[in-house]
Protein backbone atom coordinates (compact mmCIF):
# COMPACT_ATOMS: atom_id res chain seq x y z
CA MET A 1 13.78 -19.07 6.13
CA VAL A 2 10.04 -19.63 6.37
CA LEU A 3 7.89 -17.29 4.32
CA TYR A 4 4.31 -16.83 5.48
CA VAL A 5 1.71 -15.85 2.93
CA ALA A 6 -1.64 -14.69 4.22
CA THR A 7 -4.93 -15.13 2.42
CA ILE A 8 -8.00 -12.95 2.83
CA THR A 9 -11.50 -13.25 1.44
CA LEU A 10 -13.47 -10.16 0.53
CA LYS A 11 -17.23 -10.34 0.83
CA ASN A 12 -20.06 -8.08 -0.31
CA ILE A 13 -18.00 -6.22 -2.89
CA PRO A 14 -20.30 -3.72 -4.59
CA PRO A 15 -20.73 -4.53 -8.29
CA VAL A 16 -19.45 -1.11 -9.36
CA LEU A 17 -16.25 -1.56 -7.35
CA HIS A 18 -15.73 -5.09 -8.69
CA ARG A 19 -16.22 -3.91 -12.28
CA SER A 20 -13.86 -0.96 -11.75
CA LEU A 21 -11.16 -3.21 -10.31
CA LYS A 22 -11.51 -5.66 -13.19
CA GLU A 23 -11.26 -2.85 -15.74
CA ARG A 24 -8.25 -1.42 -13.96
CA ALA A 25 -6.59 -4.85 -13.89
CA GLU A 26 -7.14 -5.23 -17.64
CA ARG A 27 -5.68 -1.77 -18.34
CA ASN A 28 -2.62 -2.65 -16.27
CA ARG A 29 -2.38 -6.15 -17.76
CA ARG A 30 -2.70 -7.77 -14.34
CA SER A 31 -4.89 -10.39 -12.78
CA LEU A 32 -7.65 -9.11 -10.54
CA ASN A 33 -5.76 -10.44 -7.52
CA SER A 34 -2.54 -8.67 -8.55
CA GLU A 35 -4.43 -5.43 -9.12
CA VAL A 36 -6.10 -5.57 -5.71
CA LEU A 37 -2.71 -6.22 -4.08
CA SER A 38 -1.22 -3.27 -5.97
CA VAL A 39 -4.03 -0.97 -4.84
CA LEU A 40 -3.72 -2.12 -1.22
CA GLU A 41 0.06 -1.70 -1.21
CA ALA A 42 -0.26 1.84 -2.55
CA ALA A 43 -2.97 2.66 -0.02
CA VAL A 44 -0.94 1.61 3.01
CA ASP A 45 2.49 2.60 1.65
CA VAL A 46 3.99 -0.86 2.13
CA GLN A 47 7.75 -0.92 1.95
CA GLU A 48 10.53 -2.61 3.77
CA ARG A 49 12.38 -0.32 6.13
CA ASN A 50 16.15 -0.27 5.95
CA THR A 51 17.09 0.98 9.41
CA GLU A 52 20.73 1.52 8.53
CA LEU A 53 19.80 3.62 5.51
CA LEU A 54 17.31 5.67 7.55
CA LEU A 55 19.96 6.39 10.19
CA GLU A 56 22.42 7.47 7.49
CA GLU A 57 19.81 9.80 5.99
CA ALA A 58 19.06 11.26 9.43
CA ALA A 59 22.77 11.87 10.04
CA ARG A 60 23.12 13.64 6.67
CA PHE A 61 20.09 15.79 7.47
CA ARG A 62 21.41 16.75 10.90
CA LYS A 63 24.76 17.65 9.32
CA SER A 64 23.00 19.77 6.67
CA LEU A 65 21.43 21.93 9.41
CA GLY A 66 24.83 23.43 10.16
CA PHE A 67 24.59 23.28 13.93
CA THR A 68 24.55 20.73 16.71
CA ALA A 69 22.75 20.60 20.02
CA THR A 70 23.82 18.66 23.06
CA PRO A 71 21.29 16.56 24.96
CA ASP A 72 21.35 19.20 27.73
CA GLU A 73 20.54 21.96 25.22
CA ILE A 74 17.68 19.89 23.79
CA ASP A 75 16.28 19.28 27.28
CA ALA A 76 16.54 22.99 28.12
CA ALA A 77 14.65 23.90 24.93
CA ARG A 78 11.93 21.38 25.78
CA ARG A 79 11.58 22.84 29.25
CA LYS A 80 11.04 26.26 27.67
CA GLY A 81 8.16 24.79 25.69
CA ARG A 82 9.85 24.50 22.32
CA PRO A 83 9.76 21.18 20.47
């Protein structure tokens, strides 16, 4: 398996932002790079998606609703203007 690691360069970082990131990194006992990665991951909600798990959760949710709808019933509801 080949693992690709991307590199980016940030330019024109305002001094206040740079200082704040450095202080935050120190508080969290991380390098500046690790802190920036942590902030970016939190900002974009990075997580691997487990499709099988999501499908299982969807099936449990549908079952919890206590009713089922056939594809024809769903189409009829859509035609009536209901989502």
